Amino acid sequence: MSPISVIITIAAYFVILFTISYIAGRKADNEGFFVGNRKSAWYVVAFAMIGTAIPLAVTGGFHVDGFMDTMDAFHSYQPREKKLEILKDSHIGAFSVICLVLYELIYIGAYSEIDAVRQAGIVAAGFFLSRCLSGIAAMTFPGAKKEGLLYMFTSKAHERTVKTALFLQTAAVAVLMLYLDGVTGVAVLVGAGLTFLYYYKKCKKELGGITGDTEGYFVTVCECVIVVAAAVCEIIR
């Protein structure tokens, strides 16, 4: 990245930060900053916290583990071979923790804005969609290495049968989302599709392909994008 691009990115970040701070805090005092003037409904907070915890509780953090390993690798800015070694390292680094905290803040904030049953249904279907897309990526995208669980599973799978099943399931869940709410369904599907494309380009550039860890990274990021898209549609209505 050129110095000019870095300066523009930092300047844009601070402009957005100060704009949001002004809009959100122009009528707030110290108490409002720390406790929200005690006007936040407890059930909304509980809904957001429980909704955020469900993916972790159900999977045991399996995908988040891949997300954290991938964040350490991407933010190491090392050669490709070194990044692949970082993915295999069981220890976590500072970047993975920072990215996970940022991720959870975004996820909780977005989830707290969802209060309609149909939007909640679309978010629930999003868990299924993210895994279908992950499966398609595993069977379609090039692998970064010729070892590991991902390679073992994909090399032994019946490619045509698996792909057909995954595409049919993806189409079915897409139809369900559009049926529940057309606008939100389109927003979520576009967001998931763009995340899918970004995942391919990012992993191809950084690692030369995908791994089991990057699959967990994709599922985690895709779920967050789906929640954010649903929340935005809920807010602007």
C-alpha atoms as a PDB file:
ATOM      1  CA  MET A   1       0.000   0.000   0.000  1.00  0.00           C
ATOM      2  CA  SER A   2       1.397   3.393  -1.011  1.00  0.00           C
ATOM      3  CA  PRO A   3       1.947   6.191   1.570  1.00  0.00           C
ATOM      4  CA  ILE A   4      -0.832   8.250  -0.014  1.00  0.00           C
ATOM      5  CA  SER A   5      -3.282   5.342   0.311  1.00  0.00           C
ATOM      6  CA  VAL A   6      -2.322   4.907   3.972  1.00  0.00           C
ATOM      7  CA  ILE A   7      -2.855   8.618   4.692  1.00  0.00           C
ATOM      8  CA  ILE A   8      -6.224   8.642   2.894  1.00  0.00           C
ATOM      9  CA  THR A   9      -7.347   5.511   4.756  1.00  0.00           C
ATOM     10  CA  ILE A  10      -6.380   6.945   8.155  1.00  0.00           C
ATOM     11  CA  ALA A  11      -7.996  10.303   7.355  1.00  0.00           C
ATOM     12  CA  ALA A  12     -11.219   8.616   6.210  1.00  0.00           C
ATOM     13  CA  TYR A  13     -11.262   6.495   9.369  1.00  0.00           C
ATOM     14  CA  PHE A  14     -11.031   9.511  11.654  1.00  0.00           C
ATOM     15  CA  VAL A  15     -13.643  11.454   9.670  1.00  0.00           C
ATOM     16  CA  ILE A  16     -16.089   8.560  10.028  1.00  0.00           C
ATOM     17  CA  LEU A  17     -15.150   8.078  13.692  1.00  0.00           C
ATOM     18  CA  PHE A  18     -15.700  11.726  14.642  1.00  0.00           C
ATOM     19  CA  THR A  19     -18.911  11.937  12.598  1.00  0.00           C
ATOM     20  CA  ILE A  20     -20.423   8.927  14.341  1.00  0.00           C
ATOM     21  CA  SER A  21     -19.206  10.187  17.723  1.00  0.00           C
ATOM     22  CA  TYR A  22     -20.840  13.573  17.149  1.00  0.00           C
ATOM     23  CA  ILE A  23     -24.171  12.131  15.998  1.00  0.00           C
ATOM     24  CA  ALA A  24     -24.315   9.519  18.763  1.00  0.00           C
ATOM     25  CA  GLY A  25     -22.989  11.642  21.619  1.00  0.00           C
ATOM     26  CA  ARG A  26     -24.167  15.191  21.055  1.00  0.00           C
ATOM     27  CA  LYS A  27     -26.969  14.802  23.605  1.00  0.00           C
ATOM     28  CA  ALA A  28     -25.187  12.411  25.960  1.00  0.00           C
ATOM     29  CA  ASP A  29     -23.470  13.024  29.278  1.00  0.00           C
ATOM     30  CA  ASN A  30     -21.092  10.841  31.299  1.00  0.00           C
ATOM     31  CA  GLU A  31     -23.873   8.680  32.668  1.00  0.00           C
ATOM     32  CA  GLY A  32     -25.334   8.212  29.216  1.00  0.00           C
ATOM     33  CA  PHE A  33     -21.945   7.142  27.871  1.00  0.00           C
ATOM     34  CA  PHE A  34     -21.414   4.422  30.482  1.00  0.00           C
ATOM     35  CA  VAL A  35     -24.937   3.137  31.222  1.00  0.00           C
ATOM     36  CA  GLY A  36     -27.043   4.427  28.314  1.00  0.00           C
ATOM     37  CA  ASN A  37     -29.149   6.527  30.685  1.00  0.00           C
ATOM     38  CA  ARG A  38     -30.510   3.197  31.910  1.00  0.00           C
ATOM     39  CA  LYS A  39     -32.941   3.087  28.992  1.00  0.00           C
ATOM     40  CA  SER A  40     -31.712  -0.100  27.338  1.00  0.00           C
ATOM     41  CA  ALA A  41     -34.328  -2.813  27.720  1.00  0.00           C
ATOM     42  CA  TRP A  42     -32.793  -5.790  29.517  1.00  0.00           C
ATOM     43  CA  TYR A  43     -34.422  -8.272  27.166  1.00  0.00           C
ATOM     44  CA  VAL A  44     -32.842  -6.593  24.118  1.00  0.00           C
ATOM     45  CA  VAL A  45     -29.406  -6.838  25.705  1.00  0.00           C
ATOM     46  CA  ALA A  46     -30.051 -10.442  26.738  1.00  0.00           C
ATOM     47  CA  PHE A  47     -31.292 -11.332  23.240  1.00  0.00           C
ATOM     48  CA  ALA A  48     -28.142  -9.908  21.659  1.00  0.00           C
ATOM     49  CA  MET A  49     -25.786 -11.604  24.115  1.00  0.00           C
ATOM     50  CA  ILE A  50     -27.497 -14.995  23.876  1.00  0.00           C
ATOM     51  CA  GLY A  51     -27.742 -14.751  20.082  1.00  0.00           C
ATOM     52  CA  THR A  52     -24.021 -14.037  19.917  1.00  0.00           C
ATOM     53  CA  ALA A  53     -23.215 -16.940  22.220  1.00  0.00           C
ATOM     54  CA  ILE A  54     -25.276 -19.546  20.336  1.00  0.00           C
ATOM     55  CA  PRO A  55     -22.802 -20.100  17.448  1.00  0.00           C
ATOM     56  CA  LEU A  56     -19.963 -20.515  19.950  1.00  0.00           C
ATOM     57  CA  ALA A  57     -21.959 -22.837  22.187  1.00  0.00           C
ATOM     58  CA  VAL A  58     -23.181 -25.067  19.357  1.00  0.00           C
ATOM     59  CA  THR A  59     -19.840 -25.433  17.536  1.00  0.00           C
ATOM     60  CA  GLY A  60     -17.562 -25.230  20.556  1.00  0.00           C
ATOM     61  CA  GLY A  61     -15.697 -22.353  18.955  1.00  0.00           C
ATOM     62  CA  PHE A  62     -14.510 -24.619  16.142  1.00  0.00           C
ATOM     63  CA  HIS A  63     -14.835 -21.969  13.412  1.00  0.00           C
ATOM     64  CA  VAL A  64     -13.690 -19.115  15.646  1.00  0.00           C
ATOM     65  CA  ASP A  65     -10.462 -21.005  16.249  1.00  0.00           C
ATOM     66  CA  GLY A  66      -9.838 -20.966  12.496  1.00  0.00           C
ATOM     67  CA  PHE A  67     -10.754 -17.275  12.375  1.00  0.00           C
ATOM     68  CA  MET A  68      -8.188 -16.431  15.051  1.00  0.00           C
ATOM     69  CA  ASP A  69      -5.427 -18.485  13.435  1.00  0.00           C
ATOM     70  CA  THR A  70      -6.153 -16.869  10.079  1.00  0.00           C
ATOM     71  CA  MET A  71      -6.078 -13.374  11.553  1.00  0.00           C
ATOM     72  CA  ASP A  72      -2.653 -14.059  13.033  1.00  0.00           C
ATOM     73  CA  ALA A  73      -1.413 -15.308   9.668  1.00  0.00           C
ATOM     74  CA  PHE A  74      -2.859 -12.464   7.596  1.00  0.00           C
ATOM     75  CA  HIS A  75      -1.599  -9.774   9.972  1.00  0.00           C
ATOM     76  CA  SER A  76       1.900 -11.227  10.253  1.00  0.00           C
ATOM     77  CA  TYR A  77       2.809  -9.759   6.833  1.00  0.00           C
ATOM     78  CA  GLN A  78       5.277 -12.605   6.416  1.00  0.00           C
ATOM     79  CA  PRO A  79       6.018 -14.639   3.263  1.00  0.00           C
ATOM     80  CA  ARG A  80       3.422 -17.216   2.255  1.00  0.00           C
ATOM     81  CA  GLU A  81       5.337 -20.154   3.716  1.00  0.00           C
ATOM     82  CA  LYS A  82       5.603 -18.447   7.094  1.00  0.00           C
ATOM     83  CA  LYS A  83       1.891 -17.666   7.099  1.00  0.00           C
ATOM     84  CA  LEU A  84       1.093 -21.326   6.529  1.00  0.00           C
ATOM     85  CA  GLU A  85       3.331 -22.212   9.472  1.00  0.00           C
ATOM     86  CA  ILE A  86       1.471 -19.690  11.650  1.00  0.00           C
ATOM     87  CA  LEU A  87      -1.810 -21.368  10.725  1.00  0.00           C
ATOM     88  CA  LYS A  88      -0.497 -24.637  12.149  1.00  0.00           C
ATOM     89  CA  ASP A  89       0.695 -23.010  15.378  1.00  0.00           C
ATOM     90  CA  SER A  90      -1.681 -23.744  18.265  1.00  0.00           C
ATOM     91  CA  HIS A  91      -0.721 -20.534  20.099  1.00  0.00           C
ATOM     92  CA  ILE A  92      -2.639 -17.294  19.608  1.00  0.00           C
ATOM     93  CA  GLY A  93      -1.175 -13.880  18.931  1.00  0.00           C
ATOM     94  CA  ALA A  94      -2.199 -10.322  19.687  1.00  0.00           C
ATOM     95  CA  PHE A  95      -3.829  -9.765  16.298  1.00  0.00           C
ATOM     96  CA  SER A  96      -6.181 -12.727  16.698  1.00  0.00           C
ATOM     97  CA  VAL A  97      -7.398 -11.430  20.073  1.00  0.00           C
ATOM     98  CA  ILE A  98      -7.837  -7.878  18.785  1.00  0.00           C
ATOM     99  CA  CYS A  99      -9.761  -9.071  15.720  1.00  0.00           C
ATOM    100  CA  LEU A 100     -11.967 -11.381  17.793  1.00  0.00           C
ATOM    101  CA  VAL A 101     -12.893  -8.579  20.210  1.00  0.00           C
ATOM    102  CA  LEU A 102     -13.680  -6.287  17.277  1.00  0.00           C
ATOM    103  CA  TYR A 103     -15.718  -9.043  15.642  1.00  0.00           C
ATOM    104  CA  GLU A 104     -17.785  -9.708  18.759  1.00  0.00           C
ATOM    105  CA  LEU A 105     -18.472  -5.991  19.303  1.00  0.00           C
ATOM    106  CA  ILE A 106     -19.788  -5.673  15.753  1.00  0.00           C
ATOM    107  CA  TYR A 107     -21.792  -8.892  16.053  1.00  0.00           C
ATOM    108  CA  ILE A 108     -23.410  -7.971  19.367  1.00  0.00           C
ATOM    109  CA  GLY A 109     -24.199  -4.449  18.186  1.00  0.00           C
ATOM    110  CA  ALA A 110     -25.836  -5.702  15.005  1.00  0.00           C
ATOM    111  CA  TYR A 111     -27.727  -8.512  16.730  1.00  0.00           C
ATOM    112  CA  SER A 112     -29.224  -6.075  19.235  1.00  0.00           C
ATOM    113  CA  GLU A 113     -30.944  -4.246  16.354  1.00  0.00           C
ATOM    114  CA  ILE A 114     -32.855  -7.303  15.180  1.00  0.00           C
ATOM    115  CA  ASP A 115     -36.305  -7.437  16.765  1.00  0.00           C
ATOM    116  CA  ALA A 116     -38.489  -8.835  13.984  1.00  0.00           C
ATOM    117  CA  VAL A 117     -39.258 -12.527  13.718  1.00  0.00           C
ATOM    118  CA  ARG A 118     -38.638 -12.678   9.977  1.00  0.00           C
ATOM    119  CA  GLN A 119     -35.218 -11.032  10.260  1.00  0.00           C
ATOM    120  CA  ALA A 120     -34.326 -13.405  13.080  1.00  0.00           C
ATOM    121  CA  GLY A 121     -35.392 -16.293  10.843  1.00  0.00           C
ATOM    122  CA  ILE A 122     -33.144 -15.048   8.051  1.00  0.00           C
ATOM    123  CA  VAL A 123     -30.197 -14.778  10.448  1.00  0.00           C
ATOM    124  CA  ALA A 124     -30.866 -18.351  11.596  1.00  0.00           C
ATOM    125  CA  ALA A 125     -30.942 -19.509   7.976  1.00  0.00           C
ATOM    126  CA  GLY A 126     -27.682 -17.631   7.503  1.00  0.00           C
ATOM    127  CA  PHE A 127     -25.874 -20.180   9.648  1.00  0.00           C
ATOM    128  CA  PHE A 128     -26.882 -22.828   7.138  1.00  0.00           C
ATOM    129  CA  LEU A 129     -26.007 -20.611   4.161  1.00  0.00           C
ATOM    130  CA  SER A 130     -22.498 -19.854   5.448  1.00  0.00           C
ATOM    131  CA  ARG A 131     -21.754 -23.547   5.791  1.00  0.00           C
ATOM    132  CA  CYS A 132     -23.096 -24.354   2.337  1.00  0.00           C
ATOM    133  CA  LEU A 133     -20.845 -21.687   0.843  1.00  0.00           C
ATOM    134  CA  SER A 134     -17.947 -23.001   2.907  1.00  0.00           C
ATOM    135  CA  GLY A 135     -18.540 -26.462   1.469  1.00  0.00           C
ATOM    136  CA  ILE A 136     -18.681 -25.081  -2.070  1.00  0.00           C
ATOM    137  CA  ALA A 137     -15.399 -23.258  -1.452  1.00  0.00           C
ATOM    138  CA  ALA A 138     -13.792 -26.436  -0.118  1.00  0.00           C
ATOM    139  CA  MET A 139     -14.790 -28.361  -3.252  1.00  0.00           C
ATOM    140  CA  THR A 140     -14.048 -25.548  -5.721  1.00  0.00           C
ATOM    141  CA  PHE A 141     -11.232 -23.278  -4.525  1.00  0.00           C
ATOM    142  CA  PRO A 142      -7.594 -24.378  -4.767  1.00  0.00           C
ATOM    143  CA  GLY A 143      -6.016 -25.711  -1.593  1.00  0.00           C
ATOM    144  CA  ALA A 144      -2.987 -24.024  -0.070  1.00  0.00           C
ATOM    145  CA  LYS A 145      -1.390 -27.354   0.823  1.00  0.00           C
ATOM    146  CA  LYS A 146      -1.634 -31.075   0.129  1.00  0.00           C
ATOM    147  CA  GLU A 147      -2.211 -32.107   3.729  1.00  0.00           C
ATOM    148  CA  GLY A 148      -4.520 -31.461   6.644  1.00  0.00           C
ATOM    149  CA  LEU A 149      -8.180 -32.226   7.358  1.00  0.00           C
ATOM    150  CA  LEU A 150      -9.554 -30.118   4.516  1.00  0.00           C
ATOM    151  CA  TYR A 151      -7.410 -31.875   1.932  1.00  0.00           C
ATOM    152  CA  MET A 152      -8.219 -35.280   3.403  1.00  0.00           C
ATOM    153  CA  PHE A 153     -11.977 -34.690   3.250  1.00  0.00           C
ATOM    154  CA  THR A 154     -12.095 -33.056  -0.187  1.00  0.00           C
ATOM    155  CA  SER A 155      -9.721 -35.532  -1.841  1.00  0.00           C
ATOM    156  CA  LYS A 156     -11.924 -38.461  -0.828  1.00  0.00           C
ATOM    157  CA  ALA A 157     -15.290 -36.859  -1.575  1.00  0.00           C
ATOM    158  CA  HIS A 158     -17.385 -37.615  -4.662  1.00  0.00           C
ATOM    159  CA  GLU A 159     -16.951 -34.179  -6.207  1.00  0.00           C
ATOM    160  CA  ARG A 160     -19.963 -34.075  -8.511  1.00  0.00           C
ATOM    161  CA  THR A 161     -22.376 -35.471  -5.944  1.00  0.00           C
ATOM    162  CA  VAL A 162     -21.157 -33.184  -3.167  1.00  0.00           C
ATOM    163  CA  LYS A 163     -21.218 -30.078  -5.361  1.00  0.00           C
ATOM    164  CA  THR A 164     -24.711 -30.847  -6.614  1.00  0.00           C
ATOM    165  CA  ALA A 165     -26.003 -31.315  -3.067  1.00  0.00           C
ATOM    166  CA  LEU A 166     -24.347 -28.111  -1.860  1.00  0.00           C
ATOM    167  CA  PHE A 167     -25.691 -25.997  -4.728  1.00  0.00           C
ATOM    168  CA  LEU A 168     -29.202 -27.365  -4.228  1.00  0.00           C
ATOM    169  CA  GLN A 169     -29.082 -26.641  -0.501  1.00  0.00           C
ATOM    170  CA  THR A 170     -27.742 -23.134  -1.162  1.00  0.00           C
ATOM    171  CA  ALA A 171     -30.565 -22.464  -3.612  1.00  0.00           C
ATOM    172  CA  ALA A 172     -33.128 -23.795  -1.139  1.00  0.00           C
ATOM    173  CA  VAL A 173     -31.949 -21.602   1.735  1.00  0.00           C
ATOM    174  CA  ALA A 174     -31.799 -18.584  -0.613  1.00  0.00           C
ATOM    175  CA  VAL A 175     -35.439 -19.138  -1.571  1.00  0.00           C
ATOM    176  CA  LEU A 176     -36.368 -19.436   2.102  1.00  0.00           C
ATOM    177  CA  MET A 177     -34.647 -16.122   2.916  1.00  0.00           C
ATOM    178  CA  LEU A 178     -36.409 -14.333   0.071  1.00  0.00           C
ATOM    179  CA  TYR A 179     -39.724 -15.817   1.192  1.00  0.00           C
ATOM    180  CA  LEU A 180     -39.272 -14.611   4.760  1.00  0.00           C
ATOM    181  CA  ASP A 181     -38.416 -11.058   3.684  1.00  0.00           C
ATOM    182  CA  GLY A 182     -37.509 -10.006   0.155  1.00  0.00           C
ATOM    183  CA  VAL A 183     -35.458  -6.910   0.931  1.00  0.00           C
ATOM    184  CA  THR A 184     -33.532  -8.427   3.826  1.00  0.00           C
ATOM    185  CA  GLY A 185     -33.093 -11.667   1.921  1.00  0.00           C
ATOM    186  CA  VAL A 186     -31.530  -9.874  -1.044  1.00  0.00           C
ATOM    187  CA  ALA A 187     -29.239  -7.827   1.233  1.00  0.00           C
ATOM    188  CA  VAL A 188     -28.071 -10.920   3.097  1.00  0.00           C
ATOM    189  CA  LEU A 189     -27.504 -12.939  -0.077  1.00  0.00           C
ATOM    190  CA  VAL A 190     -25.530 -10.098  -1.686  1.00  0.00           C
ATOM    191  CA  GLY A 191     -23.455  -9.683   1.474  1.00  0.00           C
ATOM    192  CA  ALA A 192     -22.738 -13.410   1.677  1.00  0.00           C
ATOM    193  CA  GLY A 193     -21.862 -13.521  -2.033  1.00  0.00           C
ATOM    194  CA  LEU A 194     -19.432 -10.621  -1.751  1.00  0.00           C
ATOM    195  CA  THR A 195     -17.855 -12.242   1.306  1.00  0.00           C
ATOM    196  CA  PHE A 196     -17.461 -15.456  -0.691  1.00  0.00           C
ATOM    197  CA  LEU A 197     -15.642 -13.599  -3.495  1.00  0.00           C
ATOM    198  CA  TYR A 198     -13.475 -11.683  -1.032  1.00  0.00           C
ATOM    199  CA  TYR A 199     -12.575 -14.953   0.689  1.00  0.00           C
ATOM    200  CA  TYR A 200     -11.366 -16.439  -2.577  1.00  0.00           C
ATOM    201  CA  LYS A 201      -9.277 -13.433  -3.583  1.00  0.00           C
ATOM    202  CA  LYS A 202      -7.805 -12.896  -0.110  1.00  0.00           C
ATOM    203  CA  CYS A 203      -6.745 -16.503   0.419  1.00  0.00           C
ATOM    204  CA  LYS A 204      -5.427 -16.843  -3.125  1.00  0.00           C
ATOM    205  CA  LYS A 205      -3.293 -13.745  -2.647  1.00  0.00           C
ATOM    206  CA  GLU A 206      -2.083 -14.419   0.889  1.00  0.00           C
ATOM    207  CA  LEU A 207      -1.785 -18.199   0.995  1.00  0.00           C
ATOM    208  CA  GLY A 208      -2.133 -19.480  -2.551  1.00  0.00           C
ATOM    209  CA  GLY A 209      -5.390 -21.220  -1.635  1.00  0.00           C
ATOM    210  CA  ILE A 210      -7.584 -22.204   1.285  1.00  0.00           C
ATOM    211  CA  THR A 211      -7.039 -24.396   4.339  1.00  0.00           C
ATOM    212  CA  GLY A 212      -9.179 -25.804   7.123  1.00  0.00           C
ATOM    213  CA  ASP A 213      -8.438 -22.735   9.230  1.00  0.00           C
ATOM    214  CA  THR A 214      -9.472 -20.312   6.505  1.00  0.00           C
ATOM    215  CA  GLU A 215     -12.740 -22.220   6.142  1.00  0.00           C
ATOM    216  CA  GLY A 216     -13.469 -21.418   9.780  1.00  0.00           C
ATOM    217  CA  TYR A 217     -12.478 -17.826   9.073  1.00  0.00           C
ATOM    218  CA  PHE A 218     -14.953 -17.629   6.197  1.00  0.00           C
ATOM    219  CA  VAL A 219     -17.856 -19.102   8.149  1.00  0.00           C
ATOM    220  CA  THR A 220     -17.240 -16.683  11.026  1.00  0.00           C
ATOM    221  CA  VAL A 221     -16.959 -13.594   8.817  1.00  0.00           C
ATOM    222  CA  CYS A 222     -19.922 -14.620   6.665  1.00  0.00           C
ATOM    223  CA  GLU A 223     -22.135 -15.017   9.728  1.00  0.00           C
ATOM    224  CA  CYS A 224     -21.186 -11.523  10.901  1.00  0.00           C
ATOM    225  CA  VAL A 225     -21.906 -10.013   7.481  1.00  0.00           C
ATOM    226  CA  ILE A 226     -25.312 -11.700   7.446  1.00  0.00           C
ATOM    227  CA  VAL A 227     -26.220 -10.308  10.876  1.00  0.00           C
ATOM    228  CA  VAL A 228     -25.013  -6.812   9.937  1.00  0.00           C
ATOM    229  CA  ALA A 229     -26.972  -6.872   6.654  1.00  0.00           C
ATOM    230  CA  ALA A 230     -30.149  -7.957   8.454  1.00  0.00           C
ATOM    231  CA  ALA A 231     -29.630  -5.299  11.127  1.00  0.00           C
ATOM    232  CA  VAL A 232     -29.139  -2.530   8.542  1.00  0.00           C
ATOM    233  CA  CYS A 233     -32.360  -3.514   6.794  1.00  0.00           C
ATOM    234  CA  GLU A 234     -34.156  -3.454  10.147  1.00  0.00           C
ATOM    235  CA  ILE A 235     -32.793   0.009  11.017  1.00  0.00           C
ATOM    236  CA  ILE A 236     -33.590   1.762   7.731  1.00  0.00           C
ATOM    237  CA  ARG A 237     -37.216   0.628   7.681  1.00  0.00           C
END
